[in-house]
């Protein structure tokens, strides 16, 4: 994984808050097969179905139950057996291999699709799909 650009929330995942103006290698995913970026956070998907997240967590979009930003990669223990990941501005969505969809983060306008509003600090299942 390579990252560059604005990094005030740690969204580059390189353990710092320093902006990078050239592509910089970032360690973390052993066998990465997917990556997605939100407004100030990023997530990565490993071949083994684990999901890692870093950056802004002010709306719980890292899915770790906290609201602390992270400049280092955080494994999302509730996102297992994942086959695809996506990010909105301040939320994260994962498709599990069993076909279920899970989401966390900002939900003030219903963007998590769980029929409710309000921030979700840990993943909730999107039903009806």
Protein backbone atom coordinates (compact mmCIF):
# COMPACT_ATOMS: atom_id res chain seq x y z
CA UNK A 1 0.00 0.00 0.00
CA UNK A 2 1.21 3.47 -0.91
CA UNK A 3 -0.25 6.73 0.38
CA UNK A 4 0.29 10.46 -0.02
CA UNK A 5 -1.42 13.79 0.57
CA UNK A 6 -3.09 15.48 3.51
CA UNK A 7 -2.66 13.54 6.75
CA UNK A 8 -3.88 15.60 9.71
CA UNK A 9 -6.12 12.75 10.93
CA UNK A 10 -3.62 9.97 10.26
CA UNK A 11 -5.56 8.84 7.20
CA UNK A 12 -2.38 7.83 5.39
CA UNK A 13 -1.85 5.09 7.99
CA UNK A 14 1.88 5.63 8.32
CA UNK A 15 1.90 6.27 12.07
CA UNK A 16 2.37 10.04 11.71
CA UNK A 17 0.30 13.15 11.09
CA UNK A 18 2.75 14.52 8.53
CA UNK A 19 1.51 15.32 5.04
CA UNK A 20 3.27 13.39 2.25
CA UNK A 21 3.79 14.96 -1.16
CA UNK A 22 5.13 11.86 -2.88
CA UNK A 23 3.89 8.25 -2.78
CA UNK A 24 5.11 6.71 0.47
CA UNK A 25 4.98 2.99 1.30
CA UNK A 26 2.76 2.08 4.23
CA UNK A 27 3.10 -1.26 5.96
CA UNK A 28 0.07 -3.01 7.37
CA UNK A 29 -1.80 -5.23 4.97
CA UNK A 30 0.07 -8.48 4.48
CA UNK A 31 -1.92 -9.63 1.48
CA UNK A 32 -4.12 -6.66 0.63
CA UNK A 33 -6.88 -7.16 -1.91
CA UNK A 34 -8.87 -3.97 -1.41
CA UNK A 35 -8.68 -0.45 -0.10
CA UNK A 36 -11.19 2.39 0.23
CA UNK A 37 -11.08 5.96 1.42
CA UNK A 38 -13.59 8.24 3.09
CA UNK A 39 -13.23 11.93 3.73
CA UNK A 40 -10.47 11.58 6.34
CA UNK A 41 -10.32 7.81 6.98
CA UNK A 42 -9.26 4.74 5.05
CA UNK A 43 -9.88 1.01 5.27
CA UNK A 44 -8.03 -1.96 3.86
CA UNK A 45 -9.12 -5.53 3.18
CA UNK A 46 -6.71 -8.42 3.55
CA UNK A 47 -6.91 -11.70 1.62
CA UNK A 48 -7.90 -13.51 4.83
CA UNK A 49 -11.08 -11.40 5.10
CA UNK A 50 -9.88 -9.11 7.88
CA UNK A 51 -10.46 -5.37 7.73
CA UNK A 52 -8.09 -2.67 8.94
CA UNK A 53 -8.91 1.01 9.40
CA UNK A 54 -7.06 4.23 10.17
CA UNK A 55 -7.56 8.00 10.24
CA UNK A 56 -10.49 10.09 11.46
CA UNK A 57 -12.81 8.31 13.86
CA UNK A 58 -14.91 11.24 15.09
CA UNK A 59 -18.11 9.47 13.97
CA UNK A 60 -17.03 5.92 14.77
CA UNK A 61 -16.20 5.17 11.14
CA UNK A 62 -13.25 2.99 12.16
CA UNK A 63 -15.74 0.63 13.82
CA UNK A 64 -13.62 -0.07 16.89
CA UNK A 65 -16.14 1.18 19.44
CA UNK A 66 -14.15 4.35 20.08
CA UNK A 67 -14.08 7.87 18.69
CA UNK A 68 -10.30 8.34 18.78
CA UNK A 69 -8.41 9.00 15.55
CA UNK A 70 -5.68 6.53 14.65
CA UNK A 71 -2.60 7.17 12.51
CA UNK A 72 -1.82 3.45 12.71
CA UNK A 73 -3.82 0.56 11.36
CA UNK A 74 -6.55 -0.83 13.66
CA UNK A 75 -8.00 -4.27 13.00
CA UNK A 76 -11.79 -4.28 13.07
CA UNK A 77 -12.53 -7.48 14.97
CA UNK A 78 -16.25 -7.44 14.08
CA UNK A 79 -15.51 -7.28 10.37
CA UNK A 80 -14.53 -10.90 9.62
CA UNK A 81 -14.87 -12.97 6.45
CA UNK A 82 -15.22 -9.76 4.45
CA UNK A 83 -15.06 -9.82 0.65
CA UNK A 84 -15.41 -6.08 -0.13
CA UNK A 85 -15.15 -2.72 1.64
CA UNK A 86 -16.35 0.79 0.84
CA UNK A 87 -16.32 4.17 2.55
CA UNK A 88 -18.62 7.11 2.56
CA UNK A 89 -17.58 10.49 3.85
CA UNK A 90 -17.69 9.41 7.51
CA UNK A 91 -18.88 5.81 7.43
CA UNK A 92 -17.59 2.38 6.46
CA UNK A 93 -19.42 -0.52 4.81
CA UNK A 94 -18.34 -4.14 4.48
CA UNK A 95 -19.77 -7.01 2.45
CA UNK A 96 -19.16 -10.34 4.18
CA UNK A 97 -18.66 -13.57 2.27
CA UNK A 98 -22.06 -14.81 3.52
CA UNK A 99 -23.72 -11.93 1.64
CA UNK A 100 -24.55 -9.79 4.67
CA UNK A 101 -23.69 -6.10 4.72
CA UNK A 102 -22.36 -4.35 7.81
CA UNK A 103 -21.81 -0.63 8.41
CA UNK A 104 -20.51 1.75 11.06
CA UNK A 105 -19.91 5.45 11.54
CA UNK A 106 -21.98 8.54 10.83
CA UNK A 107 -25.66 7.76 10.46
CA UNK A 108 -27.22 11.16 11.05
CA UNK A 109 -29.02 10.97 7.70
CA UNK A 110 -29.60 7.21 7.66
CA UNK A 111 -26.55 6.45 5.52
CA UNK A 112 -25.92 3.11 7.29
CA UNK A 113 -29.24 1.75 6.01
CA UNK A 114 -30.30 0.20 9.32
CA UNK A 115 -33.59 2.10 9.61
CA UNK A 116 -32.36 4.33 12.43
CA UNK A 117 -30.34 7.50 12.82
CA UNK A 118 -27.39 8.24 15.07
CA UNK A 119 -23.70 7.42 15.11
CA UNK A 120 -22.77 3.72 15.32
CA UNK A 121 -19.35 3.08 16.85
CA UNK A 122 -19.41 -0.63 16.00
CA UNK A 123 -20.74 -2.37 12.89
CA UNK A 124 -24.48 -2.95 12.53
CA UNK A 125 -26.03 -5.29 10.01
CA UNK A 126 -27.97 -3.77 7.14
CA UNK A 127 -31.05 -5.97 6.89
CA UNK A 128 -33.42 -6.47 4.00
CA UNK A 129 -30.80 -6.88 1.29
